[in-house]
């Protein structure tokens, strides 16, 4: 059974940095488009970073330069490095394999809270 498990969420002060990790089992991170999404209460889940199997990265314009997606194929792990975090980045962050595919796999989510 394919599974994604996120780690690394927590409380961080404004201006701080955080790296989320997503450990994959039953999912090849180098053969799927991997993504990170986030969601706040009452809002739709939004894509914050994606990385194709060929290594092409995409970010929404509003997050370019602050968020970086990467992967370690040997460790079966995808990362999301987030810099200069702001209160509006507070959300539950989800790891995803397959983006909008009907067969997409989702993690359980990890809470990121940016607050002083």
Protein backbone atom coordinates (compact mmCIF):
# COMPACT_ATOMS: atom_id res chain seq x y z
CA UNK A 1 0.00 0.00 0.00
CA UNK A 2 1.56 3.32 -1.04
CA UNK A 3 2.05 5.69 1.85
CA UNK A 4 3.47 9.16 2.47
CA UNK A 5 4.36 10.40 5.95
CA UNK A 6 5.27 14.01 6.65
CA UNK A 7 7.65 15.17 9.38
CA UNK A 8 9.04 18.47 10.55
CA UNK A 9 6.07 20.70 11.20
CA UNK A 10 5.91 22.88 14.27
CA UNK A 11 5.95 26.39 15.63
CA UNK A 12 8.34 28.91 14.13
CA UNK A 13 8.74 32.65 14.60
CA UNK A 14 8.12 35.07 11.74
CA UNK A 15 11.21 35.29 9.56
CA UNK A 16 12.30 31.81 10.54
CA UNK A 17 12.86 28.71 8.43
CA UNK A 18 11.58 25.16 8.49
CA UNK A 19 12.19 22.04 6.46
CA UNK A 20 9.45 19.48 6.01
CA UNK A 21 10.22 15.90 5.07
CA UNK A 22 8.00 13.37 3.34
CA UNK A 23 8.98 9.71 3.61
CA UNK A 24 7.52 7.55 0.86
CA UNK A 25 6.83 3.85 0.91
CA UNK A 26 5.35 2.04 -2.04
CA UNK A 27 5.81 5.23 -4.06
CA UNK A 28 8.89 5.98 -6.15
CA UNK A 29 9.66 9.66 -5.57
CA UNK A 30 11.82 9.76 -8.70
CA UNK A 31 9.15 8.23 -10.93
CA UNK A 32 6.24 10.42 -9.88
CA UNK A 33 5.53 14.10 -9.83
CA UNK A 34 5.75 14.97 -6.16
CA UNK A 35 4.06 17.95 -4.62
CA UNK A 36 3.55 19.87 -1.43
CA UNK A 37 0.18 21.43 -0.71
CA UNK A 38 -1.15 23.46 2.16
CA UNK A 39 -4.58 24.14 3.54
CA UNK A 40 -6.09 26.50 6.08
CA UNK A 41 -9.59 26.19 7.55
CA UNK A 42 -12.27 27.26 5.12
CA UNK A 43 -9.92 27.44 2.16
CA UNK A 44 -9.11 25.13 -0.70
CA UNK A 45 -5.93 23.12 -0.63
CA UNK A 46 -3.27 24.95 -2.65
CA UNK A 47 -0.18 23.63 -4.38
CA UNK A 48 2.98 25.29 -3.03
CA UNK A 49 5.67 23.28 -4.83
CA UNK A 50 6.03 20.41 -7.26
CA UNK A 51 8.85 18.41 -8.73
CA UNK A 52 8.49 16.23 -11.80
CA UNK A 53 10.16 12.85 -12.18
CA UNK A 54 12.70 14.59 -14.43
CA UNK A 55 13.51 17.11 -11.71
CA UNK A 56 11.65 20.15 -13.01
CA UNK A 57 10.45 22.30 -10.13
CA UNK A 58 7.44 24.58 -10.12
CA UNK A 59 6.18 27.11 -7.59
CA UNK A 60 3.43 29.68 -7.55
CA UNK A 61 4.82 33.15 -8.24
CA UNK A 62 3.92 34.28 -4.73
CA UNK A 63 6.27 31.68 -3.17
CA UNK A 64 9.19 31.69 -5.60
CA UNK A 65 12.42 32.39 -3.79
CA UNK A 66 11.12 31.36 -0.37
CA UNK A 67 10.10 27.72 -0.85
CA UNK A 68 12.32 24.99 -2.31
CA UNK A 69 11.34 21.41 -3.09
CA UNK A 70 13.97 18.70 -3.33
CA UNK A 71 14.24 14.95 -3.10
CA UNK A 72 16.64 12.22 -2.06
CA UNK A 73 15.89 9.15 -4.13
CA UNK A 74 17.99 6.85 -1.96
CA UNK A 75 16.15 7.96 1.18
CA UNK A 76 12.77 7.90 -0.62
CA UNK A 77 12.19 11.35 0.81
CA UNK A 78 10.93 14.65 -0.55
CA UNK A 79 11.69 17.89 1.25
CA UNK A 80 10.19 21.35 1.41
CA UNK A 81 12.50 24.06 2.63
CA UNK A 82 10.62 27.18 3.70
CA UNK A 83 12.45 30.44 4.41
CA UNK A 84 11.33 33.79 5.77
CA UNK A 85 8.11 32.29 7.04
CA UNK A 86 5.22 34.63 7.74
CA UNK A 87 2.00 34.19 9.72
CA UNK A 88 0.10 33.71 6.46
CA UNK A 89 2.14 30.57 5.84
CA UNK A 90 0.42 28.95 8.79
CA UNK A 91 -1.37 25.88 7.48
CA UNK A 92 -1.46 22.12 7.39
CA UNK A 93 1.08 20.98 4.81
CA UNK A 94 0.49 17.82 2.82
CA UNK A 95 2.82 15.72 0.74
CA UNK A 96 1.42 14.34 -2.50
CA UNK A 97 2.41 11.93 -5.23
CA UNK A 98 0.67 12.36 -8.54
CA UNK A 99 -0.79 15.85 -7.98
CA UNK A 100 -4.37 15.87 -9.32
CA UNK A 101 -4.35 12.33 -10.65
CA UNK A 102 -7.29 10.12 -9.59
CA UNK A 103 -4.65 7.77 -8.21
CA UNK A 104 -2.78 10.44 -6.27
CA UNK A 105 -1.41 9.51 -2.87
CA UNK A 106 -1.63 11.92 0.07
CA UNK A 107 0.10 12.13 3.40
CA UNK A 108 -1.74 12.82 6.62
CA UNK A 109 -0.47 16.39 6.86
CA UNK A 110 1.74 18.27 9.28
CA UNK A 111 0.87 21.54 11.02
CA UNK A 112 3.07 24.57 10.49
CA UNK A 113 2.36 27.55 12.72
CA UNK A 114 4.17 30.85 12.26
CA UNK A 115 3.74 33.06 15.28
CA UNK A 116 5.69 35.15 17.73
